[in-house]
N, C-alpha and C. Protein backbone atom coordinates (compact mmCIF):
# COMPACT_ATOMS: atom_id res chain seq x y z
N MET A 1 52.75 158.73 68.02
CA MET A 1 53.31 157.38 68.33
C MET A 1 52.69 156.40 67.39
N ASP A 2 53.46 155.47 66.81
CA ASP A 2 52.95 154.53 65.90
C ASP A 2 52.41 153.36 66.84
N ARG A 3 51.16 153.21 66.90
CA ARG A 3 50.56 152.27 67.90
C ARG A 3 50.93 150.84 67.52
N SER A 4 50.97 150.57 66.14
CA SER A 4 51.32 149.16 65.80
C SER A 4 52.72 148.77 66.18
N ARG A 5 53.61 149.74 66.27
CA ARG A 5 55.01 149.50 66.59
C ARG A 5 55.20 149.15 68.02
N CYS A 6 54.22 149.60 68.87
CA CYS A 6 54.40 149.35 70.29
C CYS A 6 53.44 148.31 70.84
N LYS A 7 52.86 147.52 69.87
CA LYS A 7 52.00 146.39 70.34
C LYS A 7 52.77 145.46 71.25
N VAL A 8 52.17 145.12 72.43
CA VAL A 8 52.95 144.42 73.53
C VAL A 8 52.25 143.18 73.89
N LEU A 9 53.08 142.14 74.01
CA LEU A 9 52.55 140.90 74.69
C LEU A 9 53.14 140.81 76.07
N ILE A 10 52.33 140.58 77.03
CA ILE A 10 52.78 140.43 78.42
C ILE A 10 52.54 138.91 78.75
N VAL A 11 53.62 138.28 79.31
CA VAL A 11 53.57 136.91 79.69
C VAL A 11 53.94 136.77 81.13
N ASP A 12 52.96 136.52 82.00
CA ASP A 12 53.27 136.40 83.50
C ASP A 12 52.15 135.56 84.05
N ASP A 13 52.61 134.58 84.93
CA ASP A 13 51.61 133.72 85.50
C ASP A 13 50.87 134.34 86.66
N GLU A 14 51.15 135.54 87.03
CA GLU A 14 50.41 136.29 88.05
C GLU A 14 49.44 137.38 87.37
N PRO A 15 48.13 137.11 87.41
CA PRO A 15 47.17 137.94 86.92
C PRO A 15 47.25 139.45 87.33
N ASP A 16 47.72 139.62 88.60
CA ASP A 16 47.89 141.02 89.07
C ASP A 16 49.05 141.67 88.42
N MET A 17 50.12 140.91 88.05
CA MET A 17 51.25 141.52 87.33
C MET A 17 50.82 141.91 85.90
N CYS A 18 50.04 141.01 85.28
CA CYS A 18 49.47 141.24 83.95
C CYS A 18 48.75 142.55 83.94
N TRP A 19 47.83 142.68 84.98
CA TRP A 19 47.00 143.84 85.09
C TRP A 19 47.86 145.12 85.25
N ALA A 20 48.81 145.08 86.15
CA ALA A 20 49.67 146.25 86.43
C ALA A 20 50.43 146.70 85.10
N LEU A 21 51.04 145.77 84.41
CA LEU A 21 51.73 146.05 83.16
C LEU A 21 50.76 146.55 82.11
N THR A 22 49.55 145.92 81.98
CA THR A 22 48.70 146.41 81.02
C THR A 22 48.19 147.84 81.28
N HIS A 23 48.00 148.14 82.60
CA HIS A 23 47.61 149.56 82.98
C HIS A 23 48.65 150.52 82.57
N VAL A 24 49.94 150.23 82.90
CA VAL A 24 50.99 151.14 82.57
C VAL A 24 51.21 151.34 81.13
N LEU A 25 51.16 150.18 80.36
CA LEU A 25 51.39 150.30 78.84
C LEU A 25 50.17 151.01 78.18
N GLY A 26 49.02 150.71 78.71
CA GLY A 26 47.83 151.32 78.15
C GLY A 26 47.93 152.88 78.24
N LYS A 27 48.49 153.38 79.24
CA LYS A 27 48.67 154.81 79.46
C LYS A 27 49.58 155.40 78.41
N LYS A 28 50.50 154.51 77.88
CA LYS A 28 51.49 154.87 76.85
C LYS A 28 50.79 154.80 75.43
N GLY A 29 49.57 154.31 75.39
CA GLY A 29 48.85 154.04 74.09
C GLY A 29 49.22 152.83 73.36
N CYS A 30 49.89 151.89 74.08
CA CYS A 30 50.19 150.65 73.47
C CYS A 30 49.11 149.64 73.49
N PRO A 31 48.76 149.00 72.35
CA PRO A 31 47.79 147.91 72.38
C PRO A 31 48.55 146.74 73.19
N VAL A 32 47.78 146.06 74.09
CA VAL A 32 48.33 145.02 74.98
C VAL A 32 47.58 143.88 74.92
N LYS A 33 48.26 142.65 74.83
CA LYS A 33 47.62 141.34 75.02
C LYS A 33 48.39 140.72 76.18
N SER A 34 47.70 140.13 77.18
CA SER A 34 48.45 139.37 78.15
C SER A 34 48.01 137.92 78.24
N VAL A 35 48.95 137.09 78.52
CA VAL A 35 48.76 135.57 78.72
C VAL A 35 49.41 135.16 80.00
N LEU A 36 48.91 134.01 80.51
CA LEU A 36 49.44 133.54 81.77
C LEU A 36 50.42 132.36 81.73
N ALA A 37 50.75 131.89 80.50
CA ALA A 37 51.65 130.73 80.28
C ALA A 37 52.45 130.82 79.10
N GLY A 38 53.52 130.17 79.10
CA GLY A 38 54.48 130.09 77.97
C GLY A 38 53.84 129.53 76.73
N GLU A 39 53.11 128.44 76.84
CA GLU A 39 52.44 127.80 75.68
C GLU A 39 51.53 128.82 75.05
N GLU A 40 50.77 129.63 75.87
CA GLU A 40 49.81 130.54 75.35
C GLU A 40 50.66 131.70 74.58
N ALA A 41 51.74 131.97 75.17
CA ALA A 41 52.52 133.00 74.45
C ALA A 41 53.01 132.59 73.11
N LEU A 42 53.52 131.31 73.00
CA LEU A 42 53.91 130.74 71.78
C LEU A 42 52.83 130.71 70.74
N PHE A 43 51.57 130.35 71.17
CA PHE A 43 50.44 130.36 70.29
C PHE A 43 50.26 131.85 69.76
N CYS A 44 50.27 132.82 70.54
CA CYS A 44 50.11 134.18 70.16
C CYS A 44 51.17 134.64 69.13
N ILE A 45 52.39 134.28 69.44
CA ILE A 45 53.59 134.68 68.67
C ILE A 45 53.49 134.09 67.27
N ARG A 46 53.00 132.86 67.16
CA ARG A 46 52.87 132.18 65.88
C ARG A 46 51.77 132.82 65.04
N GLY A 47 50.76 133.46 65.64
CA GLY A 47 49.70 134.01 64.87
C GLY A 47 49.78 135.51 64.68
N GLU A 48 50.62 136.19 65.36
CA GLU A 48 50.65 137.69 65.38
C GLU A 48 52.01 138.19 65.75
N HIS A 49 52.46 139.31 65.12
CA HIS A 49 53.69 139.85 65.42
C HIS A 49 53.59 140.92 66.67
N PHE A 50 54.34 140.61 67.69
CA PHE A 50 54.37 141.57 68.83
C PHE A 50 55.73 142.13 68.88
N PRO A 51 55.90 143.39 68.56
CA PRO A 51 57.29 143.98 68.51
C PRO A 51 57.95 144.00 69.93
N LEU A 52 57.14 144.05 70.97
CA LEU A 52 57.70 144.07 72.34
C LEU A 52 56.98 143.07 73.24
N VAL A 53 57.88 142.31 73.94
CA VAL A 53 57.26 141.27 74.86
C VAL A 53 57.88 141.46 76.26
N PHE A 54 56.95 141.68 77.24
CA PHE A 54 57.44 141.64 78.70
C PHE A 54 57.18 140.24 79.20
N LEU A 55 58.29 139.59 79.70
CA LEU A 55 58.22 138.19 79.94
C LEU A 55 58.77 137.91 81.40
N ASP A 56 57.87 137.18 82.16
CA ASP A 56 58.32 136.77 83.50
C ASP A 56 59.42 135.71 83.34
N ALA A 57 60.32 135.69 84.26
CA ALA A 57 61.45 134.78 84.19
C ALA A 57 61.04 133.35 84.60
N LYS A 58 60.00 133.28 85.54
CA LYS A 58 59.58 132.01 85.99
C LYS A 58 58.13 131.84 85.73
N LEU A 59 57.76 130.90 84.86
CA LEU A 59 56.38 130.69 84.54
C LEU A 59 55.96 129.31 85.02
N SER A 60 54.66 129.08 85.13
CA SER A 60 54.23 127.77 85.63
C SER A 60 54.52 126.60 84.73
N ASP A 61 54.68 126.85 83.38
CA ASP A 61 54.86 125.79 82.45
C ASP A 61 56.26 125.74 81.78
N MET A 62 57.08 126.90 82.01
CA MET A 62 58.42 126.85 81.41
C MET A 62 59.25 128.04 81.97
N GLU A 63 60.54 127.96 81.76
CA GLU A 63 61.45 129.03 82.18
C GLU A 63 61.35 130.21 81.23
N GLY A 64 61.40 131.37 81.66
CA GLY A 64 61.26 132.60 80.85
C GLY A 64 62.44 132.73 79.78
N LEU A 65 63.68 132.39 80.13
CA LEU A 65 64.72 132.48 79.23
C LEU A 65 64.55 131.43 78.14
N ASP A 66 64.10 130.27 78.43
CA ASP A 66 63.87 129.27 77.45
C ASP A 66 62.72 129.73 76.44
N LEU A 67 61.68 130.32 77.03
CA LEU A 67 60.57 130.79 76.30
C LEU A 67 61.11 131.99 75.34
N ALA A 68 62.00 132.81 75.89
CA ALA A 68 62.52 133.98 75.09
C ALA A 68 63.26 133.29 73.82
N ALA A 69 64.01 132.26 74.00
CA ALA A 69 64.74 131.65 72.91
C ALA A 69 63.76 131.15 71.83
N ARG A 70 62.66 130.51 72.30
CA ARG A 70 61.66 129.94 71.41
C ARG A 70 60.93 131.07 70.75
N ILE A 71 60.72 132.12 71.44
CA ILE A 71 60.01 133.37 70.73
C ILE A 71 60.89 133.83 69.66
N MET A 72 62.21 134.04 69.86
CA MET A 72 63.05 134.47 68.87
C MET A 72 63.29 133.56 67.71
N GLU A 73 63.10 132.28 67.93
CA GLU A 73 63.07 131.31 66.77
C GLU A 73 61.91 131.60 65.83
N ILE A 74 60.77 131.85 66.43
CA ILE A 74 59.56 132.12 65.67
C ILE A 74 59.56 133.55 65.10
N ASP A 75 59.93 134.50 65.86
CA ASP A 75 59.84 135.94 65.43
C ASP A 75 61.16 136.61 65.88
N PRO A 76 62.14 136.64 64.96
CA PRO A 76 63.42 137.22 65.34
C PRO A 76 63.37 138.71 65.53
N LEU A 77 62.31 139.37 65.15
CA LEU A 77 62.15 140.85 65.24
C LEU A 77 61.53 141.24 66.58
N ALA A 78 61.06 140.29 67.36
CA ALA A 78 60.49 140.62 68.61
C ALA A 78 61.61 141.05 69.61
N ARG A 79 61.31 141.96 70.44
CA ARG A 79 62.21 142.48 71.47
C ARG A 79 61.67 142.12 72.78
N ILE A 80 62.53 141.45 73.64
CA ILE A 80 62.02 140.83 74.86
C ILE A 80 62.60 141.56 76.06
N VAL A 81 61.79 141.83 77.02
CA VAL A 81 62.26 142.37 78.31
C VAL A 81 61.80 141.40 79.39
N ILE A 82 62.79 140.89 80.12
CA ILE A 82 62.50 139.95 81.27
C ILE A 82 62.18 140.92 82.51
N VAL A 83 60.98 140.54 83.16
CA VAL A 83 60.51 141.19 84.32
C VAL A 83 60.52 140.07 85.43
N SER A 84 61.38 140.22 86.49
CA SER A 84 61.64 139.13 87.29
C SER A 84 61.84 139.55 88.83
N GLY A 85 61.32 138.72 89.64
CA GLY A 85 61.61 138.79 91.12
C GLY A 85 62.46 137.68 91.43
N TYR A 86 62.83 136.84 90.59
CA TYR A 86 63.75 135.65 90.76
C TYR A 86 65.17 135.94 90.47
N PHE A 87 65.44 136.50 89.39
CA PHE A 87 66.71 136.89 88.90
C PHE A 87 67.09 138.34 89.37
N TYR A 88 68.40 138.60 89.33
CA TYR A 88 68.89 139.98 89.47
C TYR A 88 69.55 140.36 88.15
N ARG A 89 69.71 141.66 87.93
CA ARG A 89 70.38 142.18 86.75
C ARG A 89 71.73 141.56 86.52
N ASP A 90 72.50 141.42 87.61
CA ASP A 90 73.86 140.95 87.49
C ASP A 90 74.00 139.46 87.53
N ASP A 91 72.95 138.67 87.57
CA ASP A 91 73.00 137.20 87.50
C ASP A 91 73.61 136.82 86.09
N ARG A 92 74.44 135.72 86.08
CA ARG A 92 75.04 135.30 85.03
C ARG A 92 74.12 135.04 83.79
N GLU A 93 72.90 134.40 84.03
CA GLU A 93 72.04 134.06 82.94
C GLU A 93 71.45 135.34 82.30
N ILE A 94 71.24 136.32 83.14
CA ILE A 94 70.67 137.58 82.57
C ILE A 94 71.75 138.32 81.87
N ARG A 95 72.90 138.40 82.39
CA ARG A 95 74.06 139.19 81.55
C ARG A 95 74.28 138.44 80.33
N GLU A 96 74.29 137.07 80.25
CA GLU A 96 74.52 136.40 78.99
C GLU A 96 73.42 136.61 77.98
N ALA A 97 72.18 136.61 78.55
CA ALA A 97 71.03 136.85 77.54
C ALA A 97 71.15 138.21 77.02
N LEU A 98 71.52 139.18 77.79
CA LEU A 98 71.64 140.60 77.31
C LEU A 98 72.80 140.68 76.34
N GLU A 99 73.92 140.07 76.58
CA GLU A 99 75.07 140.04 75.69
C GLU A 99 74.87 139.45 74.40
N LYS A 100 74.02 138.34 74.34
CA LYS A 100 73.77 137.68 73.14
C LYS A 100 72.70 138.25 72.41
N GLY A 101 72.02 139.25 72.89
CA GLY A 101 70.91 139.95 72.26
C GLY A 101 69.54 139.07 72.36
N LEU A 102 69.54 138.09 73.22
CA LEU A 102 68.26 137.38 73.40
C LEU A 102 67.15 138.22 74.01
N ILE A 103 67.66 139.05 74.95
CA ILE A 103 66.71 140.01 75.61
C ILE A 103 67.15 141.43 75.43
N LEU A 104 66.21 142.37 75.33
CA LEU A 104 66.49 143.85 75.16
C LEU A 104 66.77 144.44 76.49
N GLY A 105 66.26 143.86 77.62
CA GLY A 105 66.38 144.49 78.93
C GLY A 105 65.91 143.65 80.01
N PHE A 106 66.04 144.16 81.20
CA PHE A 106 65.73 143.43 82.38
C PHE A 106 65.19 144.39 83.45
N ILE A 107 64.03 144.07 84.07
CA ILE A 107 63.41 144.86 85.10
C ILE A 107 63.11 144.01 86.28
N ASP A 108 63.56 144.47 87.44
CA ASP A 108 63.29 143.77 88.76
C ASP A 108 61.83 143.97 89.17
N LYS A 109 61.27 142.87 89.76
CA LYS A 109 59.96 142.95 90.46
C LYS A 109 60.30 143.23 91.97
N PRO A 110 59.53 144.06 92.57
CA PRO A 110 58.50 144.89 92.09
C PRO A 110 59.11 146.06 91.24
N PHE A 111 58.45 146.44 90.14
CA PHE A 111 58.96 147.41 89.33
C PHE A 111 58.34 148.73 89.61
N ASP A 112 59.03 149.83 89.19
CA ASP A 112 58.43 151.18 89.25
C ASP A 112 57.82 151.39 87.87
N HIS A 113 56.66 152.07 87.86
CA HIS A 113 55.99 152.26 86.54
C HIS A 113 56.88 153.01 85.52
N THR A 114 57.69 153.89 86.13
CA THR A 114 58.57 154.71 85.17
C THR A 114 59.58 153.84 84.53
N GLU A 115 59.92 152.70 85.07
CA GLU A 115 60.87 151.79 84.36
C GLU A 115 60.16 151.26 83.16
N ILE A 116 58.97 150.77 83.27
CA ILE A 116 58.24 150.23 82.13
C ILE A 116 58.09 151.36 81.11
N ALA A 117 57.66 152.50 81.43
CA ALA A 117 57.50 153.52 80.45
C ALA A 117 58.84 153.86 79.78
N ARG A 118 59.91 153.85 80.56
CA ARG A 118 61.22 154.15 79.97
C ARG A 118 61.61 153.16 78.86
N VAL A 119 61.34 151.88 79.21
CA VAL A 119 61.58 150.80 78.17
C VAL A 119 60.75 151.06 76.84
N VAL A 120 59.47 151.42 77.02
CA VAL A 120 58.73 151.67 75.80
C VAL A 120 59.27 152.84 75.00
N GLU A 121 59.61 153.85 75.79
CA GLU A 121 60.19 155.04 75.09
C GLU A 121 61.43 154.71 74.39
N GLN A 122 62.38 153.96 74.95
CA GLN A 122 63.61 153.49 74.37
C GLN A 122 63.37 152.65 73.11
N PHE A 123 62.36 151.79 73.24
CA PHE A 123 61.95 150.91 72.12
C PHE A 123 61.52 151.66 70.92
N LEU A 124 60.65 152.77 71.20
CA LEU A 124 60.10 153.54 70.14
C LEU A 124 61.21 154.49 69.61
């Protein structure tokens, strides 16, 4: 597995969610960085390429889909997966983001660890 190809940024304002995602992704051999806010994520994206981003839909400082658009402006090669307990897969906003290619995928909270692993496998 090409470890640089699976470097992941996790953006979630819940530290427990960051921990859970980091744990699952670490088992897949992926280097992981986690941040708790959108502005922190933008700072990271400006300084480093993260091929894969797991992004909460509702953050304390901005909306996840707005952040996804800003990430794509900075790094069009990043692939974003929304992880949300707020939206559902069939919500209009999520469907549109998938259709436009703004996001690579969507995972409901609470998630099953195999869903996260499957996304990484598909990405690689």
